[in-house]
Amino acid sequence: MKTTSKEGPHEAKHIIIRDFTNMIEHLPDNDQTATIQKLVRYLQGLLRIKQVIPPVVEIMTLIKKAKPTLHSATRRTVSTTSNLYMLFQVDMDPVLAEERMRDYIK
């Protein structure tokens, strides 16, 4: 996540979507430790964004759809006391999530 306080909310939204798209395209769908760590670092960065409220539920839904093995493996490694634990409990319709992601950058 490369957002700074100089960017406006609209630009921050574009950066969030661009980073998510880039991450989802380049991460393999496997349960290797290095891949899980990359996803965890991405999600932690997502939670640190302050300029706008990121579409976390939509992002988690699309990760679950696009990378089911990685999602499941990461969910198993996150402890119940982790700030990421709740992210793996959310779910929504993937079609609606895609629609909302498109609307998010309008």
N, C-alpha and C. Protein backbone atom coordinates (compact mmCIF):
# COMPACT_ATOMS: atom_id res chain seq x y z
N MET A 1 0.83 -1.17 0.00
CA MET A 1 0.00 0.00 0.00
C MET A 1 0.88 1.24 0.00
N LYS A 2 0.78 1.97 -1.03
CA LYS A 2 1.60 3.17 -1.14
C LYS A 2 0.73 4.41 -1.19
N THR A 3 -0.02 4.65 -0.15
CA THR A 3 -0.84 5.86 -0.11
C THR A 3 -0.20 6.83 0.88
N THR A 4 -0.21 8.09 0.52
CA THR A 4 0.34 9.12 1.40
C THR A 4 -0.75 10.13 1.71
N SER A 5 -0.49 10.97 2.68
CA SER A 5 -1.49 11.94 3.09
C SER A 5 -1.70 13.03 2.04
N LYS A 6 -0.81 13.13 1.04
CA LYS A 6 -0.94 14.14 0.00
C LYS A 6 -2.03 13.80 -1.01
N GLU A 7 -2.36 12.54 -1.11
CA GLU A 7 -3.35 12.11 -2.11
C GLU A 7 -4.76 12.35 -1.60
N GLY A 8 -5.63 12.69 -2.54
CA GLY A 8 -7.02 12.87 -2.19
C GLY A 8 -7.71 11.53 -2.08
N PRO A 9 -8.94 11.52 -1.57
CA PRO A 9 -9.68 10.26 -1.42
C PRO A 9 -9.88 9.51 -2.73
N HIS A 10 -10.12 10.26 -3.81
CA HIS A 10 -10.35 9.60 -5.10
C HIS A 10 -9.09 8.88 -5.57
N GLU A 11 -7.95 9.54 -5.44
CA GLU A 11 -6.68 8.92 -5.84
C GLU A 11 -6.34 7.74 -4.94
N ALA A 12 -6.61 7.87 -3.66
CA ALA A 12 -6.35 6.77 -2.72
C ALA A 12 -7.17 5.54 -3.09
N LYS A 13 -8.42 5.74 -3.50
CA LYS A 13 -9.27 4.63 -3.93
C LYS A 13 -8.68 3.93 -5.14
N HIS A 14 -8.19 4.71 -6.11
CA HIS A 14 -7.58 4.12 -7.30
C HIS A 14 -6.34 3.31 -6.94
N ILE A 15 -5.56 3.81 -6.01
CA ILE A 15 -4.35 3.10 -5.59
C ILE A 15 -4.72 1.78 -4.91
N ILE A 16 -5.74 1.80 -4.06
CA ILE A 16 -6.19 0.58 -3.38
C ILE A 16 -6.60 -0.47 -4.40
N ILE A 17 -7.41 -0.07 -5.38
CA ILE A 17 -7.89 -1.01 -6.40
C ILE A 17 -6.73 -1.49 -7.26
N ARG A 18 -5.84 -0.58 -7.65
CA ARG A 18 -4.68 -0.97 -8.47
C ARG A 18 -3.79 -1.96 -7.73
N ASP A 19 -3.50 -1.68 -6.46
CA ASP A 19 -2.67 -2.59 -5.67
C ASP A 19 -3.33 -3.94 -5.49
N PHE A 20 -4.64 -3.93 -5.26
CA PHE A 20 -5.36 -5.20 -5.11
C PHE A 20 -5.30 -6.01 -6.40
N THR A 21 -5.58 -5.36 -7.52
CA THR A 21 -5.56 -6.04 -8.82
C THR A 21 -4.18 -6.61 -9.10
N ASN A 22 -3.15 -5.83 -8.84
CA ASN A 22 -1.78 -6.28 -9.04
C ASN A 22 -1.46 -7.48 -8.15
N MET A 23 -1.86 -7.39 -6.89
CA MET A 23 -1.59 -8.48 -5.95
C MET A 23 -2.31 -9.76 -6.36
N ILE A 24 -3.57 -9.65 -6.73
CA ILE A 24 -4.37 -10.83 -7.07
C ILE A 24 -3.85 -11.50 -8.35
N GLU A 25 -3.32 -10.70 -9.28
CA GLU A 25 -2.78 -11.26 -10.53
C GLU A 25 -1.46 -11.98 -10.32
N HIS A 26 -0.64 -11.50 -9.39
CA HIS A 26 0.71 -12.02 -9.26
C HIS A 26 0.91 -13.07 -8.16
N LEU A 27 0.00 -13.13 -7.21
CA LEU A 27 0.14 -14.13 -6.16
C LEU A 27 -0.37 -15.48 -6.66
N PRO A 28 0.42 -16.52 -6.50
CA PRO A 28 -0.08 -17.86 -6.89
C PRO A 28 -1.09 -18.38 -5.87
N ASP A 29 -1.95 -19.26 -6.30
CA ASP A 29 -2.95 -19.86 -5.42
C ASP A 29 -2.37 -21.13 -4.81
N ASN A 30 -1.53 -20.95 -3.79
CA ASN A 30 -0.94 -22.11 -3.13
C ASN A 30 -0.87 -21.86 -1.63
N ASP A 31 -0.38 -22.85 -0.90
CA ASP A 31 -0.30 -22.72 0.56
C ASP A 31 1.13 -22.61 1.06
N GLN A 32 2.02 -22.10 0.23
CA GLN A 32 3.41 -21.93 0.63
C GLN A 32 3.55 -20.75 1.59
N THR A 33 4.46 -20.87 2.52
CA THR A 33 4.65 -19.86 3.55
C THR A 33 4.93 -18.48 2.97
N ALA A 34 5.78 -18.40 1.96
CA ALA A 34 6.12 -17.10 1.37
C ALA A 34 4.90 -16.42 0.77
N THR A 35 4.03 -17.18 0.13
CA THR A 35 2.82 -16.63 -0.47
C THR A 35 1.86 -16.15 0.62
N ILE A 36 1.72 -16.94 1.66
CA ILE A 36 0.85 -16.57 2.78
C ILE A 36 1.36 -15.28 3.42
N GLN A 37 2.66 -15.17 3.59
CA GLN A 37 3.23 -13.96 4.20
C GLN A 37 2.98 -12.72 3.33
N LYS A 38 3.04 -12.87 2.02
CA LYS A 38 2.75 -11.75 1.12
C LYS A 38 1.31 -11.29 1.29
N LEU A 39 0.38 -12.25 1.36
CA LEU A 39 -1.02 -11.89 1.54
C LEU A 39 -1.24 -11.21 2.90
N VAL A 40 -0.63 -11.74 3.93
CA VAL A 40 -0.77 -11.15 5.27
C VAL A 40 -0.23 -9.72 5.28
N ARG A 41 0.93 -9.50 4.66
CA ARG A 41 1.49 -8.14 4.60
C ARG A 41 0.56 -7.20 3.83
N TYR A 42 -0.02 -7.69 2.74
CA TYR A 42 -0.97 -6.87 1.98
C TYR A 42 -2.17 -6.49 2.85
N LEU A 43 -2.74 -7.47 3.54
CA LEU A 43 -3.92 -7.21 4.37
C LEU A 43 -3.60 -6.27 5.53
N GLN A 44 -2.44 -6.42 6.14
CA GLN A 44 -2.06 -5.51 7.22
C GLN A 44 -1.91 -4.08 6.69
N GLY A 45 -1.34 -3.94 5.50
CA GLY A 45 -1.23 -2.62 4.88
C GLY A 45 -2.60 -2.03 4.59
N LEU A 46 -3.52 -2.87 4.16
CA LEU A 46 -4.88 -2.43 3.87
C LEU A 46 -5.55 -1.86 5.13
N LEU A 47 -5.31 -2.51 6.25
CA LEU A 47 -5.92 -2.06 7.51
C LEU A 47 -5.31 -0.75 8.02
N ARG A 48 -4.13 -0.40 7.53
CA ARG A 48 -3.46 0.83 7.98
C ARG A 48 -3.89 2.08 7.21
N ILE A 49 -4.65 1.90 6.14
CA ILE A 49 -5.05 3.04 5.31
C ILE A 49 -5.97 3.95 6.11
N LYS A 50 -5.67 5.24 6.08
CA LYS A 50 -6.45 6.20 6.86
C LYS A 50 -7.23 7.20 5.98
N GLN A 51 -6.83 7.41 4.72
CA GLN A 51 -7.46 8.42 3.88
C GLN A 51 -8.91 8.09 3.55
N VAL A 52 -9.17 6.82 3.29
CA VAL A 52 -10.51 6.35 2.95
C VAL A 52 -10.73 5.02 3.66
N ILE A 53 -11.97 4.60 3.69
CA ILE A 53 -12.27 3.27 4.24
C ILE A 53 -12.16 2.28 3.08
N PRO A 54 -11.18 1.41 3.12
CA PRO A 54 -11.01 0.46 2.02
C PRO A 54 -12.16 -0.56 1.97
N PRO A 55 -12.45 -1.07 0.79
CA PRO A 55 -13.54 -2.06 0.64
C PRO A 55 -13.07 -3.45 1.08
N VAL A 56 -12.85 -3.61 2.37
CA VAL A 56 -12.24 -4.82 2.91
C VAL A 56 -13.09 -6.07 2.67
N VAL A 57 -14.39 -5.96 2.87
CA VAL A 57 -15.26 -7.13 2.69
C VAL A 57 -15.23 -7.57 1.23
N GLU A 58 -15.28 -6.62 0.32
CA GLU A 58 -15.24 -6.94 -1.10
C GLU A 58 -13.89 -7.57 -1.48
N ILE A 59 -12.81 -7.01 -0.97
CA ILE A 59 -11.49 -7.54 -1.26
C ILE A 59 -11.35 -8.97 -0.73
N MET A 60 -11.78 -9.22 0.49
CA MET A 60 -11.69 -10.57 1.05
C MET A 60 -12.54 -11.56 0.26
N THR A 61 -13.71 -11.12 -0.18
CA THR A 61 -14.58 -11.98 -0.97
C THR A 61 -13.92 -12.34 -2.30
N LEU A 62 -13.30 -11.37 -2.95
CA LEU A 62 -12.66 -11.62 -4.23
C LEU A 62 -11.40 -12.45 -4.08
N ILE A 63 -10.68 -12.29 -2.98
CA ILE A 63 -9.52 -13.16 -2.73
C ILE A 63 -9.99 -14.60 -2.55
N LYS A 64 -11.05 -14.77 -1.78
CA LYS A 64 -11.59 -16.12 -1.54
C LYS A 64 -12.02 -16.77 -2.86
N LYS A 65 -12.59 -15.97 -3.76
CA LYS A 65 -13.05 -16.51 -5.04
C LYS A 65 -11.86 -16.80 -5.97
N ALA A 66 -10.92 -15.87 -6.06
CA ALA A 66 -9.82 -16.00 -7.02
C ALA A 66 -8.70 -16.93 -6.55
N LYS A 67 -8.47 -16.97 -5.25
CA LYS A 67 -7.36 -17.74 -4.68
C LYS A 67 -7.85 -18.58 -3.49
N PRO A 68 -8.70 -19.57 -3.74
CA PRO A 68 -9.29 -20.31 -2.62
C PRO A 68 -8.27 -21.07 -1.75
N THR A 69 -7.24 -21.64 -2.37
CA THR A 69 -6.23 -22.37 -1.60
C THR A 69 -5.45 -21.41 -0.70
N LEU A 70 -5.03 -20.30 -1.26
CA LEU A 70 -4.29 -19.29 -0.50
C LEU A 70 -5.16 -18.72 0.62
N HIS A 71 -6.41 -18.41 0.31
CA HIS A 71 -7.33 -17.86 1.32
C HIS A 71 -7.48 -18.83 2.49
N SER A 72 -7.72 -20.09 2.18
CA SER A 72 -7.92 -21.10 3.20
C SER A 72 -6.65 -21.31 4.04
N ALA A 73 -5.51 -21.39 3.39
CA ALA A 73 -4.25 -21.60 4.10
C ALA A 73 -3.93 -20.41 5.00
N THR A 74 -4.17 -19.21 4.52
CA THR A 74 -3.91 -18.01 5.32
C THR A 74 -4.86 -17.94 6.50
N ARG A 75 -6.12 -18.26 6.26
CA ARG A 75 -7.12 -18.25 7.33
C ARG A 75 -6.71 -19.20 8.47
N ARG A 76 -6.15 -20.35 8.10
CA ARG A 76 -5.72 -21.32 9.12
C ARG A 76 -4.51 -20.83 9.92
N THR A 77 -3.68 -19.97 9.33
CA THR A 77 -2.48 -19.51 10.03
C THR A 77 -2.74 -18.29 10.92
N VAL A 78 -3.83 -17.58 10.68
CA VAL A 78 -4.13 -16.37 11.45
C VAL A 78 -4.76 -16.78 12.79
N SER A 79 -4.16 -16.32 13.89
CA SER A 79 -4.68 -16.68 15.20
C SER A 79 -5.95 -15.87 15.51
N THR A 80 -6.72 -16.37 16.45
CA THR A 80 -7.98 -15.70 16.80
C THR A 80 -7.74 -14.36 17.48
N THR A 81 -6.54 -14.09 17.96
CA THR A 81 -6.23 -12.81 18.59
C THR A 81 -5.64 -11.81 17.60
N SER A 82 -5.42 -12.22 16.38
CA SER A 82 -4.84 -11.34 15.36
C SER A 82 -5.87 -10.31 14.88
N ASN A 83 -5.36 -9.14 14.49
CA ASN A 83 -6.26 -8.13 13.92
C ASN A 83 -6.81 -8.57 12.56
N LEU A 84 -6.21 -9.57 11.97
CA LEU A 84 -6.68 -10.08 10.67
C LEU A 84 -7.77 -11.14 10.80
N TYR A 85 -7.95 -11.68 11.99
CA TYR A 85 -8.89 -12.78 12.19
C TYR A 85 -10.29 -12.46 11.67
N MET A 86 -10.79 -11.28 11.99
CA MET A 86 -12.14 -10.90 11.57
C MET A 86 -12.27 -10.81 10.05
N LEU A 87 -11.19 -10.45 9.37
CA LEU A 87 -11.26 -10.34 7.91
C LEU A 87 -11.63 -11.68 7.28
N PHE A 88 -11.18 -12.75 7.88
CA PHE A 88 -11.46 -14.07 7.31
C PHE A 88 -12.82 -14.62 7.71
N GLN A 89 -13.57 -13.85 8.49
CA GLN A 89 -14.92 -14.25 8.88
C GLN A 89 -15.99 -13.61 8.00
N VAL A 90 -15.60 -12.61 7.21
CA VAL A 90 -16.58 -11.89 6.39
C VAL A 90 -16.80 -12.62 5.07
N ASP A 91 -17.99 -12.43 4.51
CA ASP A 91 -18.32 -13.07 3.25
C ASP A 91 -19.48 -12.31 2.61
N MET A 92 -19.49 -12.29 1.30
CA MET A 92 -20.60 -11.69 0.57
C MET A 92 -20.65 -12.33 -0.82
N ASP A 93 -21.66 -12.00 -1.57
CA ASP A 93 -21.80 -12.51 -2.93
C ASP A 93 -20.67 -11.96 -3.80
N PRO A 94 -19.91 -12.82 -4.48
CA PRO A 94 -18.79 -12.36 -5.31
C PRO A 94 -19.20 -11.40 -6.43
N VAL A 95 -20.38 -11.60 -7.01
CA VAL A 95 -20.85 -10.71 -8.08
C VAL A 95 -21.08 -9.31 -7.52
N LEU A 96 -21.70 -9.24 -6.36
CA LEU A 96 -21.93 -7.95 -5.71
C LEU A 96 -20.60 -7.31 -5.32
N ALA A 97 -19.65 -8.12 -4.87
CA ALA A 97 -18.33 -7.59 -4.51
C ALA A 97 -17.64 -6.96 -5.72
N GLU A 98 -17.72 -7.63 -6.87
CA GLU A 98 -17.12 -7.07 -8.09
C GLU A 98 -17.80 -5.76 -8.49
N GLU A 99 -19.13 -5.73 -8.39
CA GLU A 99 -19.87 -4.51 -8.69
C GLU A 99 -19.45 -3.36 -7.79
N ARG A 100 -19.35 -3.64 -6.52
CA ARG A 100 -18.98 -2.60 -5.56
C ARG A 100 -17.55 -2.12 -5.79
N MET A 101 -16.66 -3.00 -6.17
CA MET A 101 -15.28 -2.60 -6.46
C MET A 101 -15.25 -1.64 -7.65
N ARG A 102 -16.06 -1.92 -8.66
CA ARG A 102 -16.14 -1.00 -9.82
C ARG A 102 -16.71 0.34 -9.39
N ASP A 103 -17.76 0.30 -8.58
CA ASP A 103 -18.37 1.54 -8.09
C ASP A 103 -17.45 2.33 -7.17
N TYR A 104 -16.58 1.62 -6.48
CA TYR A 104 -15.69 2.24 -5.49
C TYR A 104 -14.77 3.29 -6.11
N ILE A 105 -14.39 3.07 -7.37
CA ILE A 105 -13.46 4.02 -8.00
C ILE A 105 -14.15 5.04 -8.89
N LYS A 106 -15.46 5.03 -8.93
CA LYS A 106 -16.18 6.02 -9.75
C LYS A 106 -16.20 7.37 -9.07
